[in-house]
N, C-alpha and C. Protein backbone atom coordinates (compact mmCIF):
# COMPACT_ATOMS: atom_id res chain seq x y z
N MET A 1 -31.60 14.23 -7.31
CA MET A 1 -31.12 12.88 -7.57
C MET A 1 -29.64 12.88 -7.94
N LEU A 2 -29.24 13.88 -8.70
CA LEU A 2 -27.85 13.93 -9.12
C LEU A 2 -26.91 14.16 -7.94
N THR A 3 -27.34 14.94 -6.95
CA THR A 3 -26.48 15.20 -5.81
C THR A 3 -26.28 13.95 -4.97
N ARG A 4 -27.23 13.05 -4.98
CA ARG A 4 -27.07 11.80 -4.24
C ARG A 4 -26.20 10.80 -5.00
N SER A 5 -26.27 10.80 -6.31
CA SER A 5 -25.50 9.84 -7.09
C SER A 5 -24.13 10.36 -7.47
N PHE A 6 -23.89 11.65 -7.31
CA PHE A 6 -22.59 12.21 -7.67
C PHE A 6 -21.43 11.56 -6.93
N PRO A 7 -21.50 11.33 -5.60
CA PRO A 7 -20.36 10.69 -4.93
C PRO A 7 -20.02 9.32 -5.50
N ILE A 8 -21.02 8.56 -5.92
CA ILE A 8 -20.74 7.24 -6.50
C ILE A 8 -19.96 7.40 -7.80
N PHE A 9 -20.38 8.33 -8.65
CA PHE A 9 -19.66 8.56 -9.90
C PHE A 9 -18.26 9.11 -9.64
N TYR A 10 -18.15 9.97 -8.66
CA TYR A 10 -16.87 10.56 -8.29
C TYR A 10 -15.90 9.47 -7.81
N LEU A 11 -16.35 8.62 -6.91
CA LEU A 11 -15.49 7.56 -6.38
C LEU A 11 -15.19 6.51 -7.44
N LEU A 12 -16.17 6.20 -8.26
CA LEU A 12 -15.94 5.26 -9.36
C LEU A 12 -14.93 5.83 -10.35
N GLY A 13 -15.02 7.12 -10.60
CA GLY A 13 -14.04 7.77 -11.48
C GLY A 13 -12.64 7.70 -10.92
N LEU A 14 -12.49 7.94 -9.60
CA LEU A 14 -11.18 7.81 -8.97
C LEU A 14 -10.64 6.39 -9.09
N LEU A 15 -11.52 5.42 -8.90
CA LEU A 15 -11.12 4.02 -8.99
C LEU A 15 -10.67 3.66 -10.40
N VAL A 16 -11.44 4.05 -11.39
CA VAL A 16 -11.11 3.71 -12.78
C VAL A 16 -9.86 4.45 -13.24
N ILE A 17 -9.75 5.73 -12.91
CA ILE A 17 -8.57 6.50 -13.32
C ILE A 17 -7.32 5.94 -12.65
N GLY A 18 -7.42 5.57 -11.38
CA GLY A 18 -6.28 4.97 -10.69
C GLY A 18 -5.86 3.66 -11.31
N TYR A 19 -6.83 2.79 -11.60
CA TYR A 19 -6.52 1.48 -12.18
C TYR A 19 -5.91 1.63 -13.57
N LEU A 20 -6.53 2.44 -14.41
CA LEU A 20 -6.01 2.64 -15.76
C LEU A 20 -4.67 3.36 -15.74
N GLY A 21 -4.49 4.27 -14.79
CA GLY A 21 -3.20 4.93 -14.63
C GLY A 21 -2.12 3.94 -14.24
N GLY A 22 -2.46 2.99 -13.40
CA GLY A 22 -1.50 1.95 -13.02
C GLY A 22 -1.14 1.06 -14.19
N LEU A 23 -2.12 0.71 -15.01
CA LEU A 23 -1.83 -0.08 -16.21
C LEU A 23 -0.93 0.70 -17.16
N TRP A 24 -1.20 2.00 -17.30
CA TRP A 24 -0.38 2.84 -18.16
C TRP A 24 1.04 2.93 -17.60
N LEU A 25 1.16 3.12 -16.28
CA LEU A 25 2.49 3.17 -15.67
C LEU A 25 3.24 1.86 -15.88
N TYR A 26 2.54 0.74 -15.76
CA TYR A 26 3.18 -0.55 -15.98
C TYR A 26 3.75 -0.62 -17.39
N SER A 27 3.01 -0.12 -18.36
CA SER A 27 3.49 -0.19 -19.75
C SER A 27 4.69 0.72 -19.99
N LYS A 28 4.86 1.75 -19.17
CA LYS A 28 5.97 2.69 -19.35
C LYS A 28 7.18 2.36 -18.48
N MET A 29 7.01 1.53 -17.48
CA MET A 29 8.10 1.22 -16.56
C MET A 29 8.91 0.03 -17.07
N GLN A 30 10.17 0.00 -16.68
CA GLN A 30 11.01 -1.15 -16.98
C GLN A 30 10.65 -2.28 -16.03
N PHE A 31 10.90 -3.51 -16.46
CA PHE A 31 10.50 -4.67 -15.69
C PHE A 31 11.12 -4.67 -14.29
N ASN A 32 12.41 -4.33 -14.18
CA ASN A 32 13.04 -4.34 -12.86
C ASN A 32 12.47 -3.25 -11.95
N GLN A 33 12.02 -2.12 -12.53
CA GLN A 33 11.37 -1.09 -11.72
C GLN A 33 10.02 -1.59 -11.19
N VAL A 34 9.28 -2.28 -12.04
CA VAL A 34 7.99 -2.84 -11.61
C VAL A 34 8.20 -3.83 -10.48
N GLU A 35 9.21 -4.69 -10.61
CA GLU A 35 9.48 -5.66 -9.56
C GLU A 35 9.86 -4.98 -8.25
N LYS A 36 10.63 -3.89 -8.32
CA LYS A 36 11.01 -3.17 -7.10
C LYS A 36 9.78 -2.57 -6.43
N VAL A 37 8.90 -1.96 -7.21
CA VAL A 37 7.68 -1.37 -6.64
C VAL A 37 6.82 -2.44 -6.00
N ILE A 38 6.64 -3.55 -6.71
CA ILE A 38 5.81 -4.63 -6.18
C ILE A 38 6.45 -5.23 -4.93
N ASN A 39 7.76 -5.44 -4.97
CA ASN A 39 8.44 -6.03 -3.82
C ASN A 39 8.37 -5.10 -2.61
N TRP A 40 8.36 -3.81 -2.83
CA TRP A 40 8.30 -2.85 -1.74
C TRP A 40 6.90 -2.76 -1.14
N LEU A 41 5.86 -2.79 -1.99
CA LEU A 41 4.49 -2.58 -1.50
C LEU A 41 3.73 -3.85 -1.16
N ASP A 42 3.89 -4.90 -1.95
CA ASP A 42 3.16 -6.14 -1.68
C ASP A 42 3.91 -7.31 -2.30
N PRO A 43 4.91 -7.85 -1.60
CA PRO A 43 5.76 -8.89 -2.18
C PRO A 43 5.06 -10.24 -2.40
N ARG A 44 3.82 -10.38 -1.98
CA ARG A 44 3.11 -11.64 -2.19
C ARG A 44 2.98 -11.98 -3.67
N ILE A 45 2.94 -10.96 -4.50
CA ILE A 45 2.76 -11.18 -5.94
C ILE A 45 3.98 -11.85 -6.54
N LEU A 46 5.16 -11.50 -6.05
CA LEU A 46 6.39 -12.08 -6.59
C LEU A 46 6.74 -13.41 -5.95
N ASN A 47 6.10 -13.73 -4.85
CA ASN A 47 6.42 -14.92 -4.08
C ASN A 47 5.86 -16.17 -4.73
N GLU A 48 6.71 -17.15 -4.91
CA GLU A 48 6.27 -18.43 -5.47
C GLU A 48 5.57 -19.30 -4.43
N HIS A 49 5.85 -19.05 -3.18
CA HIS A 49 5.30 -19.86 -2.09
C HIS A 49 4.01 -19.23 -1.58
N ILE A 50 3.27 -20.01 -0.82
CA ILE A 50 2.05 -19.49 -0.18
C ILE A 50 2.48 -18.47 0.87
N PRO A 51 1.99 -17.23 0.76
CA PRO A 51 2.40 -16.21 1.73
C PRO A 51 1.84 -16.50 3.11
N SER A 52 2.59 -16.08 4.11
CA SER A 52 2.12 -16.26 5.49
C SER A 52 1.01 -15.25 5.78
N GLY A 53 0.34 -15.46 6.88
CA GLY A 53 -0.72 -14.54 7.27
C GLY A 53 -0.19 -13.14 7.51
N PHE A 54 1.02 -13.05 8.08
CA PHE A 54 1.62 -11.74 8.32
C PHE A 54 1.90 -11.01 7.01
N ASP A 55 2.39 -11.74 6.01
CA ASP A 55 2.65 -11.13 4.70
C ASP A 55 1.38 -10.62 4.06
N SER A 56 0.25 -11.25 4.34
CA SER A 56 -1.02 -10.82 3.77
C SER A 56 -1.64 -9.67 4.55
N ILE A 57 -1.41 -9.64 5.84
CA ILE A 57 -2.03 -8.61 6.67
C ILE A 57 -1.21 -7.32 6.68
N LEU A 58 0.11 -7.41 6.53
CA LEU A 58 0.97 -6.23 6.61
C LEU A 58 0.59 -5.13 5.62
N PRO A 59 0.36 -5.42 4.33
CA PRO A 59 -0.04 -4.32 3.43
C PRO A 59 -1.36 -3.66 3.84
N GLN A 60 -2.27 -4.45 4.40
CA GLN A 60 -3.54 -3.89 4.85
C GLN A 60 -3.34 -2.99 6.06
N LEU A 61 -2.48 -3.43 6.98
CA LEU A 61 -2.22 -2.62 8.18
C LEU A 61 -1.53 -1.30 7.83
N ILE A 62 -0.60 -1.35 6.90
CA ILE A 62 0.09 -0.12 6.49
C ILE A 62 -0.90 0.84 5.84
N THR A 63 -1.78 0.31 4.99
CA THR A 63 -2.79 1.15 4.34
C THR A 63 -3.72 1.77 5.37
N ILE A 64 -4.18 0.99 6.32
CA ILE A 64 -5.09 1.50 7.35
C ILE A 64 -4.38 2.52 8.24
N PHE A 65 -3.12 2.26 8.56
CA PHE A 65 -2.35 3.21 9.37
C PHE A 65 -2.23 4.56 8.65
N LEU A 66 -1.86 4.53 7.37
CA LEU A 66 -1.76 5.77 6.60
C LEU A 66 -3.12 6.47 6.49
N PHE A 67 -4.14 5.66 6.32
CA PHE A 67 -5.50 6.20 6.21
C PHE A 67 -5.88 6.95 7.48
N LEU A 68 -5.66 6.33 8.64
CA LEU A 68 -6.00 6.97 9.91
C LEU A 68 -5.11 8.17 10.19
N LEU A 69 -3.84 8.07 9.80
CA LEU A 69 -2.93 9.19 9.98
C LEU A 69 -3.39 10.40 9.18
N PHE A 70 -3.77 10.17 7.92
CA PHE A 70 -4.25 11.26 7.08
C PHE A 70 -5.59 11.80 7.60
N ALA A 71 -6.47 10.91 8.02
CA ALA A 71 -7.82 11.33 8.45
C ALA A 71 -7.79 12.18 9.71
N THR A 72 -6.81 11.98 10.57
CA THR A 72 -6.76 12.72 11.82
C THR A 72 -5.88 13.96 11.73
N HIS A 73 -5.17 14.13 10.64
CA HIS A 73 -4.32 15.30 10.48
C HIS A 73 -5.15 16.49 10.00
N LEU A 74 -4.84 17.67 10.50
CA LEU A 74 -5.64 18.86 10.20
C LEU A 74 -5.61 19.23 8.72
N ILE A 75 -4.45 19.17 8.10
CA ILE A 75 -4.32 19.58 6.70
C ILE A 75 -4.40 18.38 5.75
N LEU A 76 -3.75 17.29 6.10
CA LEU A 76 -3.67 16.14 5.19
C LEU A 76 -4.99 15.40 5.02
N LYS A 77 -5.97 15.68 5.88
CA LYS A 77 -7.24 14.97 5.76
C LYS A 77 -7.93 15.24 4.44
N HIS A 78 -7.61 16.34 3.80
CA HIS A 78 -8.25 16.70 2.54
C HIS A 78 -7.73 15.89 1.35
N VAL A 79 -6.64 15.16 1.55
CA VAL A 79 -6.12 14.32 0.47
C VAL A 79 -6.25 12.83 0.80
N ILE A 80 -7.19 12.51 1.69
CA ILE A 80 -7.35 11.12 2.11
C ILE A 80 -7.76 10.21 0.95
N LEU A 81 -8.52 10.73 0.02
CA LEU A 81 -8.92 9.92 -1.13
C LEU A 81 -7.74 9.57 -2.02
N LEU A 82 -6.65 10.32 -1.86
CA LEU A 82 -5.44 10.02 -2.62
C LEU A 82 -4.89 8.64 -2.25
N ILE A 83 -5.05 8.23 -0.99
CA ILE A 83 -4.56 6.91 -0.57
C ILE A 83 -5.33 5.81 -1.31
N GLY A 84 -6.65 5.94 -1.36
CA GLY A 84 -7.45 4.95 -2.10
C GLY A 84 -7.13 4.96 -3.58
N THR A 85 -6.88 6.13 -4.14
CA THR A 85 -6.55 6.22 -5.56
C THR A 85 -5.16 5.64 -5.82
N MET A 86 -4.21 5.92 -4.93
CA MET A 86 -2.87 5.34 -5.11
C MET A 86 -2.91 3.82 -4.95
N ARG A 87 -3.79 3.35 -4.11
CA ARG A 87 -3.97 1.90 -4.00
C ARG A 87 -4.50 1.33 -5.32
N ALA A 88 -5.39 2.08 -5.98
CA ALA A 88 -5.90 1.66 -7.29
C ALA A 88 -4.80 1.71 -8.35
N VAL A 89 -3.89 2.67 -8.25
CA VAL A 89 -2.76 2.74 -9.18
C VAL A 89 -1.88 1.50 -8.99
N PHE A 90 -1.60 1.16 -7.75
CA PHE A 90 -0.81 -0.04 -7.48
C PHE A 90 -1.53 -1.29 -7.97
N TRP A 91 -2.84 -1.32 -7.81
CA TRP A 91 -3.66 -2.42 -8.32
C TRP A 91 -3.47 -2.55 -9.83
N GLY A 92 -3.47 -1.43 -10.54
CA GLY A 92 -3.27 -1.46 -11.98
C GLY A 92 -1.89 -1.92 -12.38
N ILE A 93 -0.85 -1.45 -11.66
CA ILE A 93 0.52 -1.88 -11.97
C ILE A 93 0.65 -3.38 -11.78
N CYS A 94 0.15 -3.89 -10.66
CA CYS A 94 0.25 -5.33 -10.38
C CYS A 94 -0.62 -6.14 -11.33
N SER A 95 -1.74 -5.60 -11.74
CA SER A 95 -2.59 -6.30 -12.70
C SER A 95 -1.85 -6.45 -14.02
N GLY A 96 -1.20 -5.39 -14.48
CA GLY A 96 -0.41 -5.48 -15.70
C GLY A 96 0.69 -6.51 -15.56
N PHE A 97 1.34 -6.54 -14.41
CA PHE A 97 2.41 -7.50 -14.17
C PHE A 97 1.88 -8.93 -14.20
N LEU A 98 0.77 -9.18 -13.51
CA LEU A 98 0.22 -10.54 -13.46
C LEU A 98 -0.31 -10.99 -14.82
N ILE A 99 -0.91 -10.07 -15.57
CA ILE A 99 -1.40 -10.42 -16.90
C ILE A 99 -0.25 -10.74 -17.83
N ALA A 100 0.87 -10.01 -17.68
CA ALA A 100 2.04 -10.26 -18.53
C ALA A 100 2.68 -11.61 -18.22
N GLN A 101 2.55 -12.06 -16.98
CA GLN A 101 3.05 -13.38 -16.61
C GLN A 101 1.99 -14.39 -17.03
N GLU A 102 2.21 -15.05 -18.11
CA GLU A 102 1.17 -15.92 -18.68
C GLU A 102 0.78 -17.07 -17.76
N THR A 103 1.61 -17.40 -16.82
CA THR A 103 1.29 -18.50 -15.91
C THR A 103 0.46 -18.05 -14.71
N GLU A 104 0.23 -16.76 -14.58
CA GLU A 104 -0.45 -16.22 -13.40
C GLU A 104 -1.90 -15.83 -13.65
N PHE A 105 -2.54 -16.40 -14.65
CA PHE A 105 -3.91 -16.01 -14.97
C PHE A 105 -4.87 -16.28 -13.82
N TRP A 106 -4.80 -17.46 -13.22
CA TRP A 106 -5.74 -17.79 -12.15
C TRP A 106 -5.50 -16.95 -10.91
N SER A 107 -4.25 -16.65 -10.63
CA SER A 107 -3.96 -15.76 -9.50
C SER A 107 -4.59 -14.40 -9.72
N TYR A 108 -4.51 -13.92 -10.95
CA TYR A 108 -5.09 -12.62 -11.26
C TYR A 108 -6.62 -12.66 -11.21
N ALA A 109 -7.20 -13.65 -11.86
CA ALA A 109 -8.66 -13.70 -12.02
C ALA A 109 -9.38 -14.05 -10.72
N LEU A 110 -8.81 -14.91 -9.91
CA LEU A 110 -9.51 -15.36 -8.70
C LEU A 110 -9.07 -14.66 -7.42
N TRP A 111 -7.88 -14.09 -7.44
CA TRP A 111 -7.39 -13.49 -6.22
C TRP A 111 -7.16 -11.99 -6.37
N TRP A 112 -6.23 -11.60 -7.22
CA TRP A 112 -5.79 -10.21 -7.23
C TRP A 112 -6.90 -9.24 -7.65
N PHE A 113 -7.52 -9.46 -8.79
CA PHE A 113 -8.51 -8.50 -9.29
C PHE A 113 -9.70 -8.33 -8.34
N PRO A 114 -10.39 -9.40 -7.95
CA PRO A 114 -11.59 -9.18 -7.11
C PRO A 114 -11.27 -8.61 -5.73
N PHE A 115 -10.20 -9.09 -5.10
CA PHE A 115 -9.91 -8.60 -3.76
C PHE A 115 -9.43 -7.16 -3.79
N GLN A 116 -8.61 -6.80 -4.75
CA GLN A 116 -8.14 -5.41 -4.83
C GLN A 116 -9.27 -4.46 -5.22
N LEU A 117 -10.19 -4.93 -6.04
CA LEU A 117 -11.36 -4.12 -6.37
C LEU A 117 -12.15 -3.80 -5.11
N LEU A 118 -12.36 -4.81 -4.29
CA LEU A 118 -13.10 -4.60 -3.04
C LEU A 118 -12.33 -3.70 -2.07
N TYR A 119 -11.03 -3.93 -1.92
CA TYR A 119 -10.22 -3.11 -1.02
C TYR A 119 -10.24 -1.64 -1.45
N CYS A 120 -9.98 -1.40 -2.72
CA CYS A 120 -9.92 -0.02 -3.22
C CYS A 120 -11.29 0.66 -3.09
N SER A 121 -12.35 -0.05 -3.42
CA SER A 121 -13.69 0.53 -3.31
C SER A 121 -14.01 0.87 -1.86
N LEU A 122 -13.71 -0.04 -0.95
CA LEU A 122 -13.99 0.22 0.46
C LEU A 122 -13.15 1.37 1.00
N LEU A 123 -11.88 1.44 0.60
CA LEU A 123 -11.04 2.54 1.06
C LEU A 123 -11.58 3.88 0.58
N LEU A 124 -12.00 3.94 -0.67
CA LEU A 124 -12.55 5.19 -1.18
C LEU A 124 -13.86 5.56 -0.48
N LEU A 125 -14.71 4.58 -0.23
CA LEU A 125 -15.97 4.86 0.49
C LEU A 125 -15.72 5.31 1.92
N ILE A 126 -14.83 4.62 2.62
CA ILE A 126 -14.52 5.01 3.99
C ILE A 126 -13.90 6.39 4.03
N GLY A 127 -13.00 6.66 3.08
CA GLY A 127 -12.38 7.98 3.03
C GLY A 127 -13.38 9.08 2.75
N PHE A 128 -14.34 8.80 1.87
CA PHE A 128 -15.38 9.79 1.57
C PHE A 128 -16.26 10.04 2.79
N LEU A 129 -16.55 8.99 3.55
CA LEU A 129 -17.38 9.17 4.74
C LEU A 129 -16.61 9.81 5.89
N LEU A 130 -15.32 9.50 6.02
CA LEU A 130 -14.52 10.08 7.09
C LEU A 130 -14.31 11.58 6.88
N VAL A 131 -13.94 11.93 5.66
CA VAL A 131 -13.63 13.33 5.34
C VAL A 131 -14.39 13.70 4.07
N PRO A 132 -15.65 14.08 4.20
CA PRO A 132 -16.41 14.45 3.01
C PRO A 132 -15.84 15.74 2.38
N PRO A 133 -15.97 15.88 1.07
CA PRO A 133 -15.52 17.11 0.42
C PRO A 133 -16.27 18.32 0.99
N PRO A 134 -15.69 19.52 0.84
CA PRO A 134 -16.34 20.72 1.39
C PRO A 134 -17.75 20.96 0.86
N SER A 135 -18.04 20.49 -0.32
CA SER A 135 -19.39 20.70 -0.87
C SER A 135 -20.43 19.82 -0.18
N TYR A 136 -20.00 18.88 0.62
CA TYR A 136 -20.91 17.99 1.34
C TYR A 136 -20.85 18.26 2.85
N GLN A 137 -20.96 19.51 3.23
CA GLN A 137 -20.90 19.88 4.63
C GLN A 137 -22.03 19.24 5.44
N GLU A 138 -23.21 19.08 4.82
CA GLU A 138 -24.32 18.46 5.56
C GLU A 138 -24.01 17.01 5.89
N LEU A 139 -23.18 16.36 5.06
CA LEU A 139 -22.80 14.97 5.34
C LEU A 139 -21.86 14.92 6.55
N SER A 140 -20.97 15.91 6.65
CA SER A 140 -20.05 15.90 7.78
C SER A 140 -20.76 16.26 9.08
N LYS A 141 -21.83 17.08 9.00
CA LYS A 141 -22.58 17.44 10.21
C LYS A 141 -23.41 16.26 10.70
N ASN A 142 -24.00 15.52 9.77
CA ASN A 142 -24.87 14.39 10.13
C ASN A 142 -24.15 13.06 10.01
N ARG A 143 -22.85 13.09 10.06
CA ARG A 143 -22.05 11.88 9.84
C ARG A 143 -22.32 10.86 10.94
N SER A 144 -22.58 9.66 10.50
CA SER A 144 -22.79 8.55 11.42
C SER A 144 -21.61 7.60 11.29
N PHE A 145 -21.00 7.31 12.39
CA PHE A 145 -19.85 6.42 12.34
C PHE A 145 -20.27 4.95 12.25
N LYS A 146 -21.57 4.69 12.24
CA LYS A 146 -22.04 3.32 12.06
C LYS A 146 -21.68 2.82 10.66
N GLY A 147 -21.85 3.67 9.66
CA GLY A 147 -21.51 3.29 8.28
C GLY A 147 -20.03 3.04 8.12
N ILE A 148 -19.22 3.89 8.75
CA ILE A 148 -17.77 3.71 8.68
C ILE A 148 -17.37 2.43 9.40
N GLY A 149 -17.99 2.17 10.54
CA GLY A 149 -17.71 0.94 11.28
C GLY A 149 -18.11 -0.29 10.50
N LEU A 150 -19.27 -0.24 9.86
CA LEU A 150 -19.73 -1.37 9.05
C LEU A 150 -18.78 -1.63 7.89
N LEU A 151 -18.36 -0.57 7.20
CA LEU A 151 -17.42 -0.74 6.09
C LEU A 151 -16.07 -1.25 6.58
N SER A 152 -15.67 -0.83 7.77
CA SER A 152 -14.41 -1.33 8.35
C SER A 152 -14.50 -2.81 8.68
N ILE A 153 -15.64 -3.23 9.20
CA ILE A 153 -15.84 -4.66 9.48
C ILE A 153 -15.83 -5.47 8.19
N ILE A 154 -16.46 -4.94 7.16
CA ILE A 154 -16.44 -5.62 5.85
C ILE A 154 -15.01 -5.72 5.34
N TYR A 155 -14.22 -4.67 5.53
CA TYR A 155 -12.81 -4.68 5.12
C TYR A 155 -12.04 -5.79 5.84
N ILE A 156 -12.28 -5.93 7.14
CA ILE A 156 -11.61 -6.97 7.93
C ILE A 156 -12.06 -8.36 7.49
N VAL A 157 -13.36 -8.53 7.22
CA VAL A 157 -13.88 -9.82 6.76
C VAL A 157 -13.26 -10.19 5.41
N ILE A 158 -13.12 -9.22 4.52
CA ILE A 158 -12.52 -9.50 3.21
C ILE A 158 -11.06 -9.88 3.38
N THR A 159 -10.36 -9.23 4.31
CA THR A 159 -8.97 -9.62 4.58
C THR A 159 -8.90 -11.06 5.08
N GLY A 160 -9.81 -11.43 5.98
CA GLY A 160 -9.87 -12.82 6.45
C GLY A 160 -10.20 -13.79 5.34
N LEU A 161 -11.12 -13.41 4.47
CA LEU A 161 -11.47 -14.25 3.33
C LEU A 161 -10.27 -14.42 2.39
N GLU A 162 -9.51 -13.36 2.22
CA GLU A 162 -8.31 -13.45 1.38
C GLU A 162 -7.30 -14.42 2.00
N LEU A 163 -7.14 -14.37 3.31
CA LEU A 163 -6.24 -15.31 3.99
C LEU A 163 -6.69 -16.75 3.79
N PHE A 164 -8.00 -16.96 3.74
CA PHE A 164 -8.55 -18.30 3.55
C PHE A 164 -8.39 -18.78 2.10
N VAL A 165 -8.61 -17.88 1.15
CA VAL A 165 -8.62 -18.24 -0.28
C VAL A 165 -7.22 -18.36 -0.87
N LEU A 166 -6.30 -17.55 -0.38
CA LEU A 166 -4.97 -17.47 -0.99
C LEU A 166 -4.23 -18.80 -1.09
N PRO A 167 -4.23 -19.66 -0.08
CA PRO A 167 -3.52 -20.95 -0.24
C PRO A 167 -4.12 -21.82 -1.35
N PHE A 168 -5.42 -21.77 -1.55
CA PHE A 168 -6.02 -22.57 -2.61
C PHE A 168 -5.65 -22.06 -3.99
N ILE A 169 -5.53 -20.77 -4.13
CA ILE A 169 -5.20 -20.18 -5.43
C ILE A 169 -3.74 -20.46 -5.78
N HIS A 170 -2.85 -20.47 -4.78
CA HIS A 170 -1.44 -20.75 -5.06
C HIS A 170 -1.21 -22.19 -5.48
N ARG A 171 -2.16 -23.06 -5.20
CA ARG A 171 -2.03 -24.46 -5.63
C ARG A 171 -2.47 -24.67 -7.06
N LEU A 172 -3.19 -23.71 -7.65
CA LEU A 172 -3.66 -23.86 -9.04
C LEU A 172 -2.54 -23.74 -10.03
């Protein structure tokens, strides 16, 4: 039973450590450094206006591109979970930023936190299924790409849902 539940605890640990690490980094960084990081990775957070569809899809496309690049590389495939964890670190940094902005509570509670939780969780799950750790060799031998495809479709649906929800949240 423990061998079946271990990946869930492992991925949950990566998610929590990444998020808390991002919050810790936010507390140690200067405000202008935080703004530069946010502006570079996902400028929608700093934008006062409703972001365009391209602005919302671009961070997802870059993440997926890096994910596929790492997954298909002979050596770098072993650090694919680092992308999901770094996404969780960014989630933590932006969460600290949005919480510090007292006027951004609804953006954080209804948009940023739930969608980033889903994105980071799906990235970690897809990464685990694409490149299982060496201790899970039987998973890589019996790997079914149906699960990866289903998780990818869920990722795309969540991106579409975010595009639908985002204009309503910016009006609050």
